[in-house]
N, C-alpha and C. Protein backbone atom coordinates (compact mmCIF):
# COMPACT_ATOMS: atom_id res chain seq x y z
N MET A 1 0.74 -1.20 0.05
CA MET A 1 -0.13 -0.02 -0.01
C MET A 1 0.86 0.95 0.01
N ALA A 2 0.76 2.44 -0.88
CA ALA A 2 1.55 3.43 -0.86
C ALA A 2 1.26 4.35 0.30
N THR A 3 2.73 5.10 0.79
CA THR A 3 2.40 5.98 1.82
C THR A 3 1.61 7.24 1.28
N ALA A 4 0.71 7.91 2.36
CA ALA A 4 0.60 9.06 2.01
C ALA A 4 1.55 10.14 1.78
N HIS A 5 1.74 11.15 1.03
CA HIS A 5 2.66 12.20 1.13
C HIS A 5 2.13 13.52 1.94
N HIS A 6 2.94 14.31 2.68
CA HIS A 6 2.66 15.35 3.23
C HIS A 6 4.00 16.14 3.34
N PRO A 7 3.96 17.12 2.06
CA PRO A 7 4.98 18.08 2.29
C PRO A 7 5.12 18.70 3.53
N LEU A 8 6.39 19.01 3.60
CA LEU A 8 6.78 19.95 4.73
C LEU A 8 6.12 21.72 4.22
N THR A 9 5.88 22.27 5.47
CA THR A 9 5.11 23.51 4.94
C THR A 9 5.58 24.73 5.76
N PRO A 10 5.49 25.71 5.32
CA PRO A 10 6.68 27.03 5.61
C PRO A 10 5.86 27.24 7.01
N ALA A 11 5.34 26.99 7.40
CA ALA A 11 4.33 26.89 8.84
C ALA A 11 5.06 26.22 9.94
N ARG A 12 5.47 25.04 9.33
CA ARG A 12 6.07 23.76 10.30
C ARG A 12 7.57 24.61 10.40
N LEU A 13 8.21 25.14 9.44
CA LEU A 13 9.46 26.02 9.43
C LEU A 13 9.28 27.23 10.09
N ILE A 14 8.43 28.01 10.60
CA ILE A 14 8.25 29.30 11.27
C ILE A 14 8.05 28.56 12.56
N ALA A 15 7.50 28.01 12.77
CA ALA A 15 7.50 27.27 14.21
C ALA A 15 8.70 26.20 14.94
N ALA A 16 9.29 26.04 13.93
CA ALA A 16 10.89 25.19 14.30
C ALA A 16 11.44 25.57 15.67
N ARG A 17 12.32 25.16 16.38
CA ARG A 17 13.18 25.51 17.38
C ARG A 17 13.91 26.93 16.21
N ARG A 18 14.23 27.58 17.22
CA ARG A 18 15.53 28.76 17.00
C ARG A 18 16.99 28.93 17.74
N GLU A 19 16.87 27.86 18.52
CA GLU A 19 18.05 27.23 19.03
C GLU A 19 18.61 26.03 19.21
N LEU A 20 19.71 25.82 19.04
CA LEU A 20 20.31 24.26 19.07
C LEU A 20 21.19 24.25 19.95
N LEU A 21 21.52 23.45 20.80
CA LEU A 21 22.47 23.32 21.74
C LEU A 21 23.52 22.04 21.35
N THR A 22 24.53 21.64 20.94
CA THR A 22 25.59 20.11 21.01
C THR A 22 26.31 20.79 22.64
N PRO A 23 27.31 19.40 22.62
CA PRO A 23 28.20 19.59 23.81
C PRO A 23 29.01 20.78 23.87
N ARG A 24 29.33 21.37 22.90
CA ARG A 24 30.48 22.72 22.88
C ARG A 24 30.01 23.53 22.52
N LEU A 25 28.63 23.64 21.68
CA LEU A 25 28.41 24.70 20.94
C LEU A 25 26.50 25.14 21.15
N ARG A 26 26.44 26.45 20.82
CA ARG A 26 25.32 26.83 20.97
C ARG A 26 25.15 27.44 19.66
N LEU A 27 23.59 26.97 18.77
CA LEU A 27 23.43 27.54 17.61
C LEU A 27 21.84 28.31 17.82
N ALA A 28 21.94 29.80 16.97
CA ALA A 28 20.95 30.52 17.15
C ALA A 28 20.72 31.23 16.12
N THR A 29 19.43 31.74 15.95
CA THR A 29 19.09 32.31 14.62
C THR A 29 19.38 33.77 15.07
N PRO A 30 19.60 34.48 13.79
CA PRO A 30 20.39 35.86 13.88
C PRO A 30 19.36 36.69 14.29
N ALA A 31 20.28 37.68 15.73
CA ALA A 31 19.38 38.71 16.04
C ALA A 31 20.20 39.87 15.81
N ALA A 32 19.38 40.89 16.14
CA ALA A 32 20.54 42.46 15.92
C ALA A 32 21.50 42.44 16.85
N ALA A 33 21.77 41.60 17.77
CA ALA A 33 22.81 42.01 18.78
C ALA A 33 23.96 40.92 18.55
N HIS A 34 24.07 40.54 17.74
CA HIS A 34 24.77 39.47 16.62
C HIS A 34 25.74 40.03 15.89
N ALA A 35 25.14 41.65 15.06
CA ALA A 35 25.63 42.15 14.34
C ALA A 35 27.31 42.46 14.50
N GLN A 36 27.46 42.70 15.41
CA GLN A 36 28.82 43.60 15.64
C GLN A 36 29.85 41.99 15.76
N ALA A 37 29.56 40.90 15.87
CA ALA A 37 30.46 40.00 16.09
C ALA A 37 30.36 39.04 14.67
N LEU A 38 29.29 39.38 14.08
CA LEU A 38 29.33 39.31 12.64
C LEU A 38 30.08 39.96 11.58
N MET A 39 30.20 41.09 12.02
CA MET A 39 31.24 41.79 11.23
C MET A 39 32.62 41.26 11.55
N ASP A 40 32.90 41.19 12.84
CA ASP A 40 34.16 40.66 13.22
C ASP A 40 35.00 39.66 12.93
N LEU A 41 33.76 38.40 12.51
CA LEU A 41 34.17 37.55 11.80
C LEU A 41 34.20 37.55 10.43
N VAL A 42 33.37 38.08 9.80
CA VAL A 42 33.53 38.30 8.38
C VAL A 42 35.04 38.79 7.70
N ASN A 43 35.13 39.88 8.42
CA ASN A 43 36.43 40.82 8.35
C ASN A 43 37.97 39.82 8.58
N ARG A 44 37.92 39.25 9.97
CA ARG A 44 39.21 38.50 10.19
C ARG A 44 39.29 37.24 9.49
N ASN A 45 38.21 36.88 8.60
CA ASN A 45 38.37 35.93 7.62
C ASN A 45 38.09 35.95 6.08
N LEU A 46 38.27 37.29 5.99
CA LEU A 46 38.28 37.75 4.36
C LEU A 46 39.16 36.62 3.74
N PRO A 47 40.47 36.77 3.88
CA PRO A 47 41.25 36.26 3.26
C PRO A 47 40.82 34.36 2.97
N THR A 48 40.09 34.03 3.89
CA THR A 48 39.69 32.40 3.45
C THR A 48 38.39 32.23 2.78
N LEU A 49 37.74 33.64 2.69
CA LEU A 49 36.81 33.67 2.11
C LEU A 49 36.01 33.72 0.54
N GLY A 50 37.38 33.30 -0.21
CA GLY A 50 37.09 33.80 -1.44
C GLY A 50 35.62 33.11 -2.34
N TYR A 51 35.58 32.13 -1.82
CA TYR A 51 34.10 31.46 -2.99
C TYR A 51 32.33 32.38 -2.27
N ILE A 52 32.63 33.19 -1.13
CA ILE A 52 31.61 33.54 -0.79
C ILE A 52 31.05 35.05 -1.32
N ALA A 53 30.44 34.84 -2.07
CA ALA A 53 29.85 36.02 -2.52
C ALA A 53 29.59 37.25 -1.98
N TRP A 54 29.05 37.05 -0.40
CA TRP A 54 28.82 38.12 0.31
C TRP A 54 29.52 38.77 0.92
N ALA A 55 31.09 37.89 0.97
CA ALA A 55 32.12 38.21 1.96
C ALA A 55 33.41 38.58 0.82
N GLN A 56 33.38 39.43 -0.20
CA GLN A 56 34.28 39.65 -0.67
C GLN A 56 35.47 41.16 -0.33
N GLN A 57 34.39 41.71 0.00
CA GLN A 57 34.68 43.07 0.81
C GLN A 57 35.03 43.10 1.99
N PRO A 58 35.33 44.23 3.22
CA PRO A 58 35.47 44.51 4.32
C PRO A 58 33.93 45.05 4.89
N TRP A 59 33.36 44.43 5.86
CA TRP A 59 32.12 44.82 6.22
C TRP A 59 31.87 45.94 7.09
N THR A 60 30.81 46.46 6.96
CA THR A 60 30.81 47.43 8.12
C THR A 60 29.87 47.21 8.79
N LEU A 61 29.67 47.84 10.30
CA LEU A 61 28.58 47.22 11.26
C LEU A 61 27.02 47.41 10.67
N ALA A 62 26.92 48.62 9.99
CA ALA A 62 25.73 48.91 9.17
C ALA A 62 25.29 47.56 8.65
N ARG A 63 26.32 47.50 7.69
CA ARG A 63 25.99 46.00 6.81
C ARG A 63 25.77 44.65 7.46
N ALA A 64 26.76 44.26 8.21
CA ALA A 64 26.54 43.21 9.17
C ALA A 64 24.83 43.59 9.92
N GLN A 65 24.16 45.15 10.23
CA GLN A 65 23.11 44.77 10.83
C GLN A 65 21.92 44.15 9.99
N ARG A 66 22.12 45.17 8.56
CA ARG A 66 21.36 44.66 7.62
C ARG A 66 20.95 43.45 7.26
N PHE A 67 22.28 42.70 7.31
CA PHE A 67 22.52 41.30 7.01
C PHE A 67 22.02 40.13 8.21
N CYS A 68 22.01 40.61 9.26
CA CYS A 68 21.13 39.73 10.38
C CYS A 68 19.76 40.39 10.03
N ALA A 69 18.98 40.90 9.74
CA ALA A 69 17.75 41.60 9.55
C ALA A 69 17.31 40.68 8.44
N ARG A 70 17.71 40.94 7.20
CA ARG A 70 17.45 39.82 6.47
C ARG A 70 17.28 38.73 6.78
N ALA A 71 18.29 37.66 7.14
CA ALA A 71 18.31 36.35 7.81
C ALA A 71 17.08 36.43 8.77
N LEU A 72 16.54 37.20 9.21
CA LEU A 72 15.67 36.78 10.52
C LEU A 72 14.35 37.38 9.61
N GLY A 73 14.43 37.84 8.94
CA GLY A 73 13.10 37.70 7.88
C GLY A 73 12.51 36.46 7.43
N PHE A 74 13.95 36.24 6.72
CA PHE A 74 13.82 34.84 5.97
C PHE A 74 13.37 34.11 6.87
N VAL A 75 13.78 33.78 8.20
CA VAL A 75 13.41 32.78 8.83
C VAL A 75 11.85 32.88 9.30
N ASP A 76 11.64 34.05 9.66
CA ASP A 76 10.39 34.55 10.11
C ASP A 76 9.14 33.98 8.81
N ALA A 77 10.07 34.06 7.42
CA ALA A 77 8.92 33.82 6.89
C ALA A 77 8.89 32.15 6.43
N GLY A 78 9.78 31.31 6.63
CA GLY A 78 9.70 30.43 6.70
C GLY A 78 10.27 29.99 5.30
N GLU A 79 11.43 30.84 5.00
CA GLU A 79 11.92 30.50 3.36
C GLU A 79 13.42 30.15 3.98
N ASP A 80 14.23 30.34 5.03
CA ASP A 80 15.10 30.16 5.22
C ASP A 80 15.34 29.11 7.10
N ILE A 81 16.26 28.83 7.02
CA ILE A 81 16.54 28.17 8.46
C ILE A 81 18.38 28.97 8.76
N VAL A 82 18.45 29.39 9.63
CA VAL A 82 19.80 30.17 9.64
C VAL A 82 19.90 30.22 11.07
N PHE A 83 21.13 29.95 11.50
CA PHE A 83 21.82 29.96 12.97
C PHE A 83 23.57 30.06 12.81
N HIS A 84 23.38 31.14 13.80
CA HIS A 84 24.88 31.63 14.18
C HIS A 84 25.47 30.74 14.91
N VAL A 85 26.67 30.16 15.40
CA VAL A 85 27.33 29.36 16.01
C VAL A 85 28.07 30.17 17.32
N PHE A 86 28.21 29.54 18.27
CA PHE A 86 28.81 30.17 19.22
C PHE A 86 29.56 29.39 20.08
N ALA A 87 31.13 29.23 19.86
CA ALA A 87 31.51 28.34 20.93
C ALA A 87 31.32 28.20 22.44
N GLY A 88 30.22 27.74 22.57
CA GLY A 88 30.12 27.79 24.11
C GLY A 88 28.87 28.22 24.26
N HIS A 89 28.19 27.76 25.63
CA HIS A 89 26.68 28.06 25.87
C HIS A 89 26.66 29.15 26.94
N ALA A 90 27.81 30.31 26.93
CA ALA A 90 27.54 31.26 27.71
C ALA A 90 27.01 32.50 27.09
N PRO A 91 26.02 33.38 27.44
CA PRO A 91 25.85 34.48 26.75
C PRO A 91 26.97 35.22 25.81
N ASP A 92 28.19 35.45 26.47
CA ASP A 92 29.28 36.01 25.89
C ASP A 92 30.03 35.07 24.96
N ALA A 93 29.71 33.90 24.74
CA ALA A 93 30.42 32.96 24.10
C ALA A 93 30.83 33.58 22.63
N PRO A 94 32.41 33.37 22.09
CA PRO A 94 32.25 33.97 20.91
C PRO A 94 32.21 33.57 19.48
N LEU A 95 31.53 34.12 18.52
CA LEU A 95 30.80 33.38 17.50
C LEU A 95 31.81 33.12 16.38
N ILE A 96 31.44 31.94 16.00
CA ILE A 96 32.70 30.81 15.15
C ILE A 96 32.17 30.75 14.05
N GLY A 97 31.12 30.98 13.36
CA GLY A 97 30.46 30.47 12.22
C GLY A 97 28.80 30.76 12.15
N ARG A 98 28.87 30.36 10.58
CA ARG A 98 27.12 30.64 10.28
C ARG A 98 26.64 29.47 9.37
N ILE A 99 25.61 29.10 9.58
CA ILE A 99 24.56 27.67 8.47
C ILE A 99 23.83 28.08 8.30
N ASP A 100 22.86 27.95 7.38
CA ASP A 100 21.92 28.23 6.61
C ASP A 100 21.36 26.84 5.87
N LEU A 101 19.78 26.73 5.91
CA LEU A 101 19.26 25.85 5.06
C LEU A 101 18.69 26.50 4.33
N HIS A 102 18.49 26.68 2.67
CA HIS A 102 17.64 27.56 2.27
C HIS A 102 17.16 26.62 0.66
N SER A 103 16.99 27.77 -0.49
CA SER A 103 16.67 26.76 -1.63
C SER A 103 15.93 25.57 -1.66
N PHE A 104 14.49 25.94 -0.88
CA PHE A 104 13.79 24.88 -0.31
C PHE A 104 12.87 24.09 -1.72
N ASP A 105 12.69 22.97 -1.55
CA ASP A 105 11.67 22.57 -2.39
C ASP A 105 10.44 21.46 -1.29
N LEU A 106 9.92 22.38 -1.23
CA LEU A 106 9.25 21.67 0.09
C LEU A 106 7.85 20.55 -0.29
N GLU A 107 7.84 20.46 -1.23
CA GLU A 107 7.40 19.47 -2.43
C GLU A 107 8.08 17.86 -2.05
N VAL A 108 9.52 18.16 -1.71
CA VAL A 108 10.07 16.92 -2.12
C VAL A 108 10.27 15.77 -0.60
N PRO A 109 10.66 16.71 0.41
CA PRO A 109 11.28 18.12 0.58
C PRO A 109 12.59 18.11 0.83
N ARG A 110 13.17 19.18 0.01
CA ARG A 110 14.80 19.08 -0.13
C ARG A 110 15.31 20.65 0.18
N ALA A 111 16.70 20.51 0.65
CA ALA A 111 17.10 21.70 0.91
C ALA A 111 18.11 22.16 0.44
N GLU A 112 19.17 22.98 0.69
CA GLU A 112 20.85 23.51 0.46
C GLU A 112 21.25 23.66 1.72
N ILE A 113 22.42 23.30 1.89
CA ILE A 113 22.98 24.03 2.93
C ILE A 113 24.16 24.85 3.20
N GLY A 114 24.33 25.87 3.59
CA GLY A 114 25.77 26.45 3.18
C GLY A 114 26.08 26.59 4.67
N TYR A 115 27.66 26.82 4.69
CA TYR A 115 28.14 27.32 6.03
C TYR A 115 29.45 28.29 5.66
N VAL A 116 29.66 29.05 6.79
CA VAL A 116 30.99 29.62 6.92
C VAL A 116 31.42 29.49 8.29
N GLY A 117 32.87 28.90 8.16
CA GLY A 117 33.41 28.94 9.67
C GLY A 117 34.61 29.80 10.07
N ASP A 118 34.92 30.03 11.24
CA ASP A 118 36.03 30.91 11.59
C ASP A 118 37.47 29.94 11.72
N ALA A 119 38.33 30.52 10.52
CA ALA A 119 39.62 29.81 10.42
C ALA A 119 40.31 29.61 11.86
N THR A 120 40.32 30.61 12.62
CA THR A 120 41.11 30.50 13.78
C THR A 120 40.56 29.52 14.82
N VAL A 121 39.69 28.72 14.37
CA VAL A 121 38.98 27.57 15.18
C VAL A 121 39.04 26.16 14.57
N GLN A 122 39.69 26.58 13.16
CA GLN A 122 39.94 25.23 12.00
C GLN A 122 40.53 24.18 13.10
N GLY A 123 40.15 23.22 12.78
CA GLY A 123 40.92 21.79 13.17
C GLY A 123 40.48 20.98 14.68
N GLN A 124 39.42 21.99 14.92
CA GLN A 124 38.84 21.31 16.37
C GLN A 124 37.25 20.67 16.13
N GLY A 125 37.24 20.52 14.81
CA GLY A 125 35.75 19.69 14.25
C GLY A 125 34.74 20.67 15.36
N LEU A 126 34.72 21.97 15.59
CA LEU A 126 33.28 22.68 16.03
C LEU A 126 32.53 22.82 14.74
N MET A 127 33.19 23.31 13.53
CA MET A 127 31.97 23.33 12.94
C MET A 127 31.29 22.38 12.01
N ARG A 128 32.19 21.09 11.94
CA ARG A 128 31.31 19.72 12.00
C ARG A 128 30.50 19.44 12.68
N GLU A 129 30.63 19.54 14.12
CA GLU A 129 29.68 19.31 15.16
C GLU A 129 28.60 20.36 14.86
N ALA A 130 28.82 21.59 14.59
CA ALA A 130 27.42 22.35 14.37
C ALA A 130 26.90 22.13 13.28
N VAL A 131 27.29 21.63 11.91
CA VAL A 131 26.61 21.81 10.94
C VAL A 131 25.79 19.96 10.77
N LEU A 132 26.75 18.71 11.53
CA LEU A 132 25.88 17.85 11.70
C LEU A 132 24.37 18.33 12.78
N SER A 133 24.71 18.70 13.38
CA SER A 133 23.53 19.16 14.40
C SER A 133 22.41 19.95 13.78
N VAL A 134 22.86 20.98 12.52
CA VAL A 134 21.93 21.35 11.46
C VAL A 134 21.05 20.24 10.70
N LEU A 135 22.14 19.03 10.38
CA LEU A 135 21.42 18.17 9.42
C LEU A 135 20.56 17.19 10.11
N ASP A 136 20.93 17.06 11.55
CA ASP A 136 20.05 16.22 12.02
C ASP A 136 18.79 17.02 12.17
N PHE A 137 19.00 18.21 12.54
CA PHE A 137 17.88 18.85 12.92
C PHE A 137 16.69 19.24 11.47
N ALA A 138 17.22 19.32 10.49
CA ALA A 138 16.61 19.30 9.27
C ALA A 138 15.55 17.80 9.08
N PHE A 139 16.65 17.13 9.23
CA PHE A 139 15.79 15.88 9.32
C PHE A 139 14.52 15.52 10.19
N GLU A 140 14.89 15.96 11.38
CA GLU A 140 13.62 15.80 12.30
C GLU A 140 12.70 16.72 11.72
N LEU A 141 12.77 17.85 11.16
CA LEU A 141 11.60 18.85 10.75
C LEU A 141 11.22 17.86 9.45
N GLY A 142 11.46 17.29 8.59
CA GLY A 142 10.97 16.42 7.87
C GLY A 142 11.53 16.38 6.67
N PHE A 143 12.87 17.04 6.40
CA PHE A 143 13.11 17.24 5.00
C PHE A 143 13.87 15.58 4.79
N ALA A 144 13.47 15.20 3.37
CA ALA A 144 13.82 14.29 2.70
C ALA A 144 15.35 13.85 2.24
N ARG A 145 15.91 15.03 2.14
CA ARG A 145 17.47 15.42 1.51
C ARG A 145 18.10 16.94 1.81
N VAL A 146 19.01 17.05 1.60
CA VAL A 146 19.81 17.95 2.41
C VAL A 146 21.32 17.99 1.05
N GLU A 147 21.40 19.18 0.05
CA GLU A 147 22.49 19.19 -0.49
C GLU A 147 23.41 20.23 -0.32
N ALA A 148 24.45 20.26 -0.75
CA ALA A 148 25.71 20.67 -0.60
C ALA A 148 26.58 20.83 -1.69
N ILE A 149 26.96 21.92 -2.25
CA ILE A 149 27.10 22.44 -3.36
C ILE A 149 28.60 23.54 -3.44
N SER A 150 29.77 22.89 -3.61
CA SER A 150 30.82 23.95 -3.83
C SER A 150 31.17 23.73 -5.37
N GLU A 151 32.28 24.71 -5.55
CA GLU A 151 32.85 24.93 -6.83
C GLU A 151 34.46 23.89 -6.73
N LEU A 152 34.50 23.10 -7.90
CA LEU A 152 35.55 22.19 -7.65
C LEU A 152 36.95 22.86 -7.23
N SER A 153 36.76 23.61 -7.52
CA SER A 153 38.45 24.24 -7.03
C SER A 153 38.15 24.81 -5.70
N ASN A 154 37.22 24.28 -4.96
CA ASN A 154 36.87 24.70 -3.47
C ASN A 154 37.66 23.62 -2.82
N HIS A 155 38.84 23.33 -2.56
CA HIS A 155 39.08 21.88 -1.95
C HIS A 155 38.76 21.93 -0.81
N ARG A 156 39.06 22.97 -0.22
CA ARG A 156 38.37 22.80 1.92
C ARG A 156 37.10 22.54 1.40
N ALA A 157 36.53 23.01 0.90
CA ALA A 157 34.93 22.89 1.05
C ALA A 157 34.28 21.49 0.66
N LEU A 158 35.18 20.84 -0.35
CA LEU A 158 34.82 19.40 -0.69
C LEU A 158 35.07 18.53 0.56
N ARG A 159 36.67 18.73 1.31
CA ARG A 159 36.71 17.87 2.18
C ARG A 159 36.01 17.61 3.10
N PHE A 160 35.58 19.07 3.83
CA PHE A 160 34.34 19.29 4.55
C PHE A 160 33.39 18.34 4.44
N ALA A 161 32.78 18.75 2.88
CA ALA A 161 31.73 17.82 2.95
C ALA A 161 31.77 16.57 2.91
N GLN A 162 32.97 15.72 2.86
CA GLN A 162 33.20 14.77 2.76
C GLN A 162 33.19 14.08 4.26
N SER A 163 33.77 15.20 4.99
CA SER A 163 33.71 14.61 6.51
C SER A 163 32.61 14.21 7.31
N LEU A 164 31.46 15.41 7.00
CA LEU A 164 30.31 15.36 7.37
C LEU A 164 29.58 13.76 7.02
N GLY A 165 30.15 13.00 6.03
CA GLY A 165 29.50 12.06 5.65
C GLY A 165 28.54 12.02 4.61
N MET A 166 28.63 13.25 3.56
CA MET A 166 27.55 13.26 3.01
C MET A 166 28.38 12.81 1.35
N VAL A 167 27.25 12.27 0.84
CA VAL A 167 27.62 11.24 -0.72
C VAL A 167 28.01 12.55 -1.81
N ARG A 168 29.49 12.19 -2.27
CA ARG A 168 29.16 12.94 -3.38
C ARG A 168 28.40 12.11 -4.64
N GLU A 169 27.85 13.15 -5.24
CA GLU A 169 27.09 12.60 -6.10
C GLU A 169 27.37 13.02 -7.61
N GLY A 170 28.16 13.68 -8.25
CA GLY A 170 28.49 14.14 -8.86
C GLY A 170 28.85 15.36 -9.28
N THR A 171 29.50 15.77 -10.51
CA THR A 171 29.67 17.21 -11.28
C THR A 171 28.57 18.09 -11.85
N LEU A 172 28.11 19.39 -11.38
CA LEU A 172 27.26 19.97 -12.28
C LEU A 172 28.17 21.27 -12.99
N HIS A 173 28.30 20.86 -14.50
CA HIS A 173 29.32 21.77 -15.21
C HIS A 173 28.38 23.02 -15.74
N HIS A 174 29.18 24.43 -15.47
CA HIS A 174 28.62 25.46 -15.89
C HIS A 174 27.21 25.87 -15.05
N ARG A 175 27.24 25.66 -13.67
CA ARG A 175 25.89 25.56 -12.99
C ARG A 175 25.80 27.29 -12.47
N GLU A 176 26.95 28.17 -12.07
CA GLU A 176 26.58 29.23 -11.78
C GLU A 176 27.77 30.16 -12.25
N ARG A 177 27.74 31.19 -11.85
CA ARG A 177 28.38 32.32 -12.04
C ARG A 177 29.39 32.34 -10.53
N GLY A 178 30.66 32.53 -10.59
CA GLY A 178 31.51 32.54 -9.48
C GLY A 178 31.67 33.91 -9.12
N VAL A 179 32.57 34.75 -8.12
CA VAL A 179 32.66 35.61 -7.68
C VAL A 179 33.22 36.84 -8.77
N HIS A 180 33.75 36.09 -9.72
CA HIS A 180 34.39 37.19 -10.77
C HIS A 180 33.27 37.26 -11.75
N GLY A 181 32.29 36.01 -12.10
CA GLY A 181 31.52 36.48 -12.72
C GLY A 181 32.02 35.08 -14.05
N GLU A 182 32.90 34.46 -13.76
CA GLU A 182 33.24 33.21 -14.56
C GLU A 182 32.07 32.05 -14.30
N LEU A 183 31.61 30.87 -15.21
CA LEU A 183 31.01 30.30 -14.81
C LEU A 183 31.76 29.00 -14.80
N VAL A 184 31.33 28.39 -13.55
CA VAL A 184 32.33 27.64 -12.54
C VAL A 184 31.32 25.90 -12.56
N ASP A 185 32.35 25.18 -12.58
CA ASP A 185 31.37 23.96 -12.27
C ASP A 185 31.38 23.62 -11.00
N GLN A 186 30.57 22.94 -10.53
CA GLN A 186 30.43 22.56 -9.06
C GLN A 186 30.13 20.98 -8.46
N ALA A 187 30.74 20.84 -7.89
CA ALA A 187 30.68 19.21 -6.88
C ALA A 187 29.08 19.33 -6.10
N LEU A 188 28.23 18.38 -6.07
CA LEU A 188 27.38 18.18 -5.86
C LEU A 188 26.98 16.95 -4.70
N PHE A 189 27.16 17.17 -3.15
CA PHE A 189 26.99 16.48 -2.20
C PHE A 189 25.47 16.27 -1.78
N ALA A 190 25.13 15.15 -0.87
CA ALA A 190 23.63 15.32 -0.32
C ALA A 190 23.73 14.08 0.89
N ALA A 191 22.90 14.39 1.67
CA ALA A 191 22.69 13.58 2.63
C ALA A 191 21.31 13.41 3.10
N TRP A 192 20.86 12.04 3.65
CA TRP A 192 19.42 12.07 3.33
C TRP A 192 19.60 11.21 5.00
N PRO A 193 17.92 11.29 5.53
CA PRO A 193 18.10 10.69 7.41
C PRO A 193 18.80 9.62 7.30
N LYS A 194 18.89 8.44 6.57
CA LYS A 194 19.57 6.97 6.74
C LYS A 194 21.08 7.09 7.04
N LEU A 195 21.45 8.62 6.44
CA LEU A 195 23.01 8.69 6.71
C LEU A 195 23.04 9.62 8.01
N ALA A 196 22.24 9.79 8.62
CA ALA A 196 22.47 10.75 10.17
C ALA A 196 22.92 9.90 10.80
N GLY A 197 23.97 10.37 11.47
CA GLY A 197 24.43 9.73 12.68
C GLY A 197 25.80 8.61 12.40
N ASN A 198 25.93 8.30 10.94
CA ASN A 198 26.77 7.42 10.76
C ASN A 198 28.03 7.92 9.97
N SER A 199 28.52 9.54 10.40
CA SER A 199 29.20 9.79 9.93
C SER A 199 30.48 9.85 10.90
């Protein structure tokens, strides 16, 4: 007998938890109070963010404030899920990353995941811990598939996706324009619920 299909709804996404705790981290939906820390995170990591379209120039506080407000608006509308990653549970814990689920196809339901981490904490497994918690959260909400897409030349991102236990499914040729306007080839990785917890 066929199973009834119940697509994920924006209302379920809007009502979803806005804070996740892992053993070492707190993940929280963007807030105006995060703007200064987000500006600092972007500016100290500019040399490592060459593939991130919105991080090609130094940020001002005003830009960080607009970025936080826009992200919160997307979350409030059920269009994205966004978390800022803090290294610790204390209120003054440092901001070390940002993770978002976006480009939803709620009929499947499917999402794409993006992440930016602080190079100063690289090698400690903190962003891996954070992204795995967001993947688990996505499957808990009812997503059937989460994709990660990275340019073929972004070897750090490719290694990171593999470290998450995501499956490399192929190459997407001339899929997007790079940060300098050139057509780029990208690698497609994916995870689904039966992979969760196996990485």
